[in-house]
């Protein structure tokens, strides 16, 4: 089967929400989600899944609406920072060399009170459940950069959980053979986002 992992579109910036930050999409993010949906309309998809986090659900809703499909929400597809009280775009953290960005580059999820091995195992379990339930299908999963990194690292045999930066609304493709072989088909496809990033 073909597993299409999609990073959510750009959300609004949230600083100290007083509880878990779960921001909606920014206006740019809504345009990115529509561009993604229009691009995927030209492909055959059998199902659309989503993380429970609002930025992913709103991105998945654009895809599901365009394709006339219901979106299945899976709690185990949430990002490692789901309890964080702020959401600052990665690009901004990188430009400021913020300690959170440095921690992510170093693969130090302890900065976020997350066990990287447990996070990776949870991601792999969740995605493998989707693979098992979808033989021969093509399934889109709208999730997060950390989720995509964790699964890609697992497939490629990379120790680091975070090793590349998926762009907002990027497409990352994996092939899952019935005998258990997993392979990366592509990472960080963004042709559908020209002028939207």
Protein backbone atom coordinates (compact mmCIF):
# COMPACT_ATOMS: atom_id res chain seq x y z
CA UNK A 1 0.00 0.00 0.00
CA UNK A 2 1.00 3.63 -0.37
CA UNK A 3 1.21 5.82 2.70
CA UNK A 4 1.14 9.56 2.01
CA UNK A 5 2.23 11.51 5.08
CA UNK A 6 1.40 15.21 4.91
CA UNK A 7 2.55 17.89 7.31
CA UNK A 8 -0.25 20.23 8.33
CA UNK A 9 -0.43 23.69 6.76
CA UNK A 10 0.83 26.79 8.59
CA UNK A 11 -1.02 27.59 11.83
CA UNK A 12 -1.25 30.89 13.66
CA UNK A 13 1.41 31.77 16.22
CA UNK A 14 0.39 31.20 19.84
CA UNK A 15 2.39 32.43 22.83
CA UNK A 16 1.49 31.11 26.29
CA UNK A 17 -2.03 29.83 25.78
CA UNK A 18 -2.46 28.98 29.47
CA UNK A 19 -2.97 25.35 28.45
CA UNK A 20 -2.03 23.22 25.48
CA UNK A 21 -1.69 25.42 22.41
CA UNK A 22 -3.80 23.99 19.61
CA UNK A 23 -3.82 26.75 17.01
CA UNK A 24 -6.02 26.97 13.92
CA UNK A 25 -4.56 27.53 10.49
CA UNK A 26 -3.19 30.94 9.55
CA UNK A 27 -4.67 32.59 6.45
CA UNK A 28 -1.56 31.41 4.56
CA UNK A 29 -2.15 27.95 5.97
CA UNK A 30 -5.72 27.89 4.68
CA UNK A 31 -4.39 28.76 1.20
CA UNK A 32 -1.75 26.02 1.52
CA UNK A 33 -4.42 23.49 2.55
CA UNK A 34 -6.52 24.40 -0.49
CA UNK A 35 -3.48 24.11 -2.77
CA UNK A 36 -2.72 20.70 -1.28
CA UNK A 37 -6.33 19.56 -1.71
CA UNK A 38 -6.41 20.68 -5.35
CA UNK A 39 -3.14 18.81 -6.03
CA UNK A 40 -4.37 15.61 -4.38
CA UNK A 41 -7.60 15.74 -6.35
CA UNK A 42 -5.54 14.47 -9.29
CA UNK A 43 -4.46 11.37 -7.35
CA UNK A 44 -6.37 8.31 -6.26
CA UNK A 45 -6.78 8.24 -2.47
CA UNK A 46 -8.77 5.61 -0.61
CA UNK A 47 -8.81 7.28 2.80
CA UNK A 48 -7.76 10.40 4.69
CA UNK A 49 -6.57 10.21 8.31
CA UNK A 50 -5.57 13.02 10.65
CA UNK A 51 -3.89 13.85 13.90
CA UNK A 52 -6.36 15.17 16.49
CA UNK A 53 -4.58 18.53 16.65
CA UNK A 54 -6.52 21.42 15.14
CA UNK A 55 -3.90 22.45 12.56
CA UNK A 56 -3.87 18.90 11.17
CA UNK A 57 -7.66 18.45 11.32
CA UNK A 58 -8.24 21.71 9.43
CA UNK A 59 -5.70 20.72 6.76
CA UNK A 60 -7.24 17.25 6.46
CA UNK A 61 -10.74 18.75 6.29
CA UNK A 62 -9.74 20.74 3.19
CA UNK A 63 -8.50 17.54 1.54
CA UNK A 64 -11.50 15.47 2.64
CA UNK A 65 -13.95 18.12 1.50
CA UNK A 66 -12.32 18.46 -1.93
CA UNK A 67 -12.25 14.67 -2.41
CA UNK A 68 -15.66 13.97 -0.86
CA UNK A 69 -14.16 11.80 1.88
CA UNK A 70 -14.64 11.61 5.62
CA UNK A 71 -11.52 12.13 7.73
CA UNK A 72 -10.57 9.53 10.35
CA UNK A 73 -8.96 11.12 13.43
CA UNK A 74 -6.40 9.07 15.36
CA UNK A 75 -5.16 10.32 18.75
CA UNK A 76 -1.85 8.50 18.31
CA UNK A 77 -0.87 10.72 15.37
CA UNK A 78 -0.43 13.82 17.58
CA UNK A 79 2.85 15.74 17.63
CA UNK A 80 5.41 15.32 20.41
CA UNK A 81 4.68 18.86 21.64
CA UNK A 82 0.92 18.39 21.96
CA UNK A 83 1.00 19.65 25.58
CA UNK A 84 3.13 22.75 24.82
CA UNK A 85 1.53 26.04 25.81
CA UNK A 86 2.86 27.87 22.74
CA UNK A 87 3.24 27.30 19.02
CA UNK A 88 5.94 29.32 17.30
CA UNK A 89 6.61 28.50 13.63
CA UNK A 90 9.82 26.53 13.20
CA UNK A 91 11.12 29.09 10.72
CA UNK A 92 10.89 31.79 13.38
CA UNK A 93 12.58 29.60 15.99
CA UNK A 94 15.38 28.84 13.53
CA UNK A 95 15.89 32.52 12.62
CA UNK A 96 16.23 33.41 16.32
CA UNK A 97 18.28 30.27 17.10
CA UNK A 98 15.75 29.67 19.85
CA UNK A 99 16.68 26.99 22.39
CA UNK A 100 13.67 24.91 21.27
CA UNK A 101 14.94 24.89 17.69
CA UNK A 102 18.44 23.96 18.86
CA UNK A 103 16.94 21.14 20.94
CA UNK A 104 15.05 19.80 17.90
CA UNK A 105 18.15 20.00 15.68
CA UNK A 106 20.07 18.05 18.31
CA UNK A 107 17.23 15.53 18.57
CA UNK A 108 16.78 16.42 22.23
CA UNK A 109 13.08 15.85 22.83
CA UNK A 110 13.72 15.85 26.58
CA UNK A 111 13.46 19.65 26.24
CA UNK A 112 9.77 18.96 25.53
CA UNK A 113 9.44 16.32 28.31
CA UNK A 114 9.21 13.61 25.65
CA UNK A 115 11.01 10.27 25.52
CA UNK A 116 12.16 10.09 21.86
CA UNK A 117 12.12 6.28 21.78
CA UNK A 118 8.57 6.14 23.17
CA UNK A 119 7.43 8.83 20.73
CA UNK A 120 8.92 6.97 17.76
CA UNK A 121 7.42 3.67 18.89
CA UNK A 122 3.97 5.27 19.24
CA UNK A 123 4.19 6.84 15.78
CA UNK A 124 5.34 3.60 14.15
CA UNK A 125 2.57 1.64 15.89
CA UNK A 126 -0.09 4.13 14.78
CA UNK A 127 1.05 4.21 11.16
CA UNK A 128 1.52 0.46 10.98
CA UNK A 129 -2.09 0.02 12.20
CA UNK A 130 -3.18 2.15 9.24
CA UNK A 131 -0.99 0.10 6.89
CA UNK A 132 -2.43 -3.18 8.23
CA UNK A 133 -6.00 -1.92 7.87
CA UNK A 134 -5.46 -0.71 4.28
CA UNK A 135 -3.94 -3.46 2.09
CA UNK A 136 -3.49 -2.30 -1.49
CA UNK A 137 -4.83 1.17 -0.69
CA UNK A 138 -3.42 4.68 -0.91
CA UNK A 139 -3.97 6.51 2.36
CA UNK A 140 -3.22 10.15 3.14
CA UNK A 141 -2.32 10.93 6.77
CA UNK A 142 -2.23 14.60 7.78
CA UNK A 143 0.06 14.90 10.75
CA UNK A 144 3.17 16.76 11.94
CA UNK A 145 6.85 17.24 11.20
CA UNK A 146 7.90 15.15 14.18
CA UNK A 147 5.57 12.31 13.23
CA UNK A 148 6.88 12.31 9.65
CA UNK A 149 10.49 12.41 10.91
CA UNK A 150 9.91 9.55 13.35
CA UNK A 151 8.41 7.26 10.71
CA UNK A 152 10.97 8.19 8.06
CA UNK A 153 13.80 7.59 10.54
CA UNK A 154 12.30 4.19 11.38
CA UNK A 155 12.04 3.20 7.70
CA UNK A 156 15.55 4.46 6.90
CA UNK A 157 17.15 2.99 10.03
CA UNK A 158 18.27 6.40 11.34
CA UNK A 159 18.79 6.68 15.11
CA UNK A 160 17.78 10.34 15.36
CA UNK A 161 14.07 10.92 15.61
CA UNK A 162 14.32 14.38 14.00
CA UNK A 163 16.62 14.61 11.00
CA UNK A 164 14.95 16.83 8.37
CA UNK A 165 12.47 19.70 8.19
CA UNK A 166 9.21 18.87 6.41
CA UNK A 167 7.70 22.06 4.99
CA UNK A 168 4.15 23.10 5.78
CA UNK A 169 1.66 21.04 3.71
CA UNK A 170 4.50 18.99 2.23
CA UNK A 171 3.87 15.49 0.89
CA UNK A 172 6.05 12.57 2.00
CA UNK A 173 5.46 9.18 0.39
CA UNK A 174 6.17 5.67 1.67
CA UNK A 175 5.54 2.25 0.17
CA UNK A 176 4.51 -0.58 2.48
CA UNK A 177 4.79 -4.07 0.98
CA UNK A 178 2.64 -6.93 2.29
CA UNK A 179 5.73 -8.92 3.36
CA UNK A 180 6.80 -6.09 5.69
CA UNK A 181 9.27 -4.11 3.59
CA UNK A 182 8.91 -0.34 4.00
CA UNK A 183 10.56 2.20 1.73
CA UNK A 184 10.72 5.95 1.24
CA UNK A 185 9.39 7.05 -2.13
CA UNK A 186 9.82 10.82 -1.62
CA UNK A 187 10.28 13.42 1.09
CA UNK A 188 9.21 17.06 1.21
CA UNK A 189 7.29 17.39 -2.06
CA UNK A 190 6.20 21.04 -2.35
CA UNK A 191 5.49 21.67 -6.07
CA UNK A 192 1.83 22.20 -5.18
CA UNK A 193 2.78 25.09 -2.88
CA UNK A 194 4.53 27.45 -5.31
CA UNK A 195 3.94 30.97 -4.01
CA UNK A 196 2.22 29.70 -0.84
CA UNK A 197 5.17 29.03 1.49
